[in-house]
Protein backbone atom coordinates (compact mmCIF):
# COMPACT_ATOMS: atom_id res chain seq x y z
CA MET A 1 176.37 -12.72 246.81
CA ASN A 2 179.81 -11.45 245.77
CA ALA A 3 180.75 -8.64 243.42
CA VAL A 4 184.34 -8.07 242.39
CA ASP A 5 185.83 -4.58 242.28
CA THR A 6 187.26 -3.22 239.02
CA ASN A 7 190.76 -3.11 240.49
CA VAL A 8 190.75 -6.87 240.99
CA TYR A 9 190.02 -7.39 237.29
CA VAL A 10 192.80 -4.97 236.38
CA TYR A 11 195.34 -6.50 238.76
CA ALA A 12 194.59 -9.97 237.39
CA LEU A 13 196.12 -8.77 234.10
CA ASP A 14 198.73 -6.29 235.32
CA ALA A 15 202.16 -7.93 235.12
CA ASP A 16 203.66 -4.70 236.53
CA GLU A 17 202.13 -5.64 239.92
CA PRO A 18 203.06 -9.34 240.33
CA VAL A 19 202.03 -9.66 243.99
CA LYS A 20 198.64 -8.06 243.40
CA GLN A 21 198.25 -10.04 240.18
CA ALA A 22 198.80 -13.33 242.00
CA LYS A 23 196.25 -12.40 244.69
CA ALA A 24 193.68 -11.36 242.07
CA VAL A 25 194.12 -14.56 240.07
CA GLU A 26 193.81 -16.62 243.24
CA LEU A 27 190.58 -14.81 244.14
CA PHE A 28 189.11 -15.44 240.69
CA ASP A 29 190.13 -19.10 240.89
CA ARG A 30 188.18 -19.44 244.13
CA LEU A 31 185.15 -17.48 242.93
CA VAL A 32 184.68 -19.41 239.68
CA LEU A 33 184.19 -22.55 241.74
CA GLN A 34 180.97 -20.99 243.04
CA PRO A 35 179.86 -18.77 240.10
CA ALA A 36 176.22 -18.60 241.17
CA ASP A 37 177.34 -16.59 244.20
CA THR A 38 179.27 -13.95 242.23
CA VAL A 39 178.06 -11.27 239.82
CA LEU A 40 179.70 -8.78 237.49
CA VAL A 41 178.26 -5.33 238.16
CA TRP A 42 177.59 -3.25 235.02
CA GLN A 43 179.66 -0.34 236.31
CA VAL A 44 182.63 -2.65 236.92
CA ALA A 45 182.29 -4.10 233.41
CA GLY A 46 182.38 -0.58 231.94
CA GLU A 47 185.33 0.50 234.07
CA PHE A 48 187.26 -2.66 233.19
CA LEU A 49 186.63 -2.18 229.47
CA SER A 50 187.76 1.43 229.82
CA GLN A 51 191.04 0.28 231.37
CA LEU A 52 191.55 -2.26 228.60
CA ARG A 53 191.02 0.51 226.03
CA ARG A 54 193.60 2.68 227.84
CA TRP A 55 196.10 -0.16 227.57
CA GLU A 56 195.18 -0.47 223.91
CA SER A 57 195.89 3.22 223.32
CA LYS A 58 199.29 2.78 225.00
CA GLY A 59 200.11 -0.20 222.79
CA LYS A 60 199.98 -2.76 225.62
CA LEU A 61 197.05 -4.61 224.00
CA THR A 62 195.76 -4.99 220.47
CA PRO A 63 192.09 -4.40 219.67
CA ASP A 64 191.63 -8.17 219.32
CA GLU A 65 193.24 -8.74 222.72
CA VAL A 66 190.90 -6.18 224.27
CA LYS A 67 187.86 -7.97 222.84
CA ALA A 68 189.09 -11.43 223.81
CA THR A 69 190.06 -10.36 227.32
CA PHE A 70 186.79 -8.57 227.94
CA ARG A 71 184.79 -11.54 226.65
CA ARG A 72 186.77 -13.97 228.79
CA PHE A 73 186.39 -11.97 231.98
CA SER A 74 182.78 -10.95 231.41
CA ALA A 75 181.83 -14.60 230.82
CA MET A 76 183.05 -15.61 234.26
CA PHE A 77 180.03 -14.28 236.13
CA PRO A 78 176.51 -13.12 235.24
CA LEU A 79 175.90 -9.40 234.81
């Protein structure tokens, strides 16, 4: 079973870190091919949502973008 760290979720969206972003996206691309082997840990989901809210407070994301992004990423793997 695999569990992905919060930082990987954050890097997948962080255009300020293009090298790390590319690696994170590549990892997700590989993991979604075998979704039964990967889970989203509750703590990671909470930490990821917290980071999205920080970006929202800085004006990097709108509230609707936060919701859509969290839904998209949380739907990738079972909690």
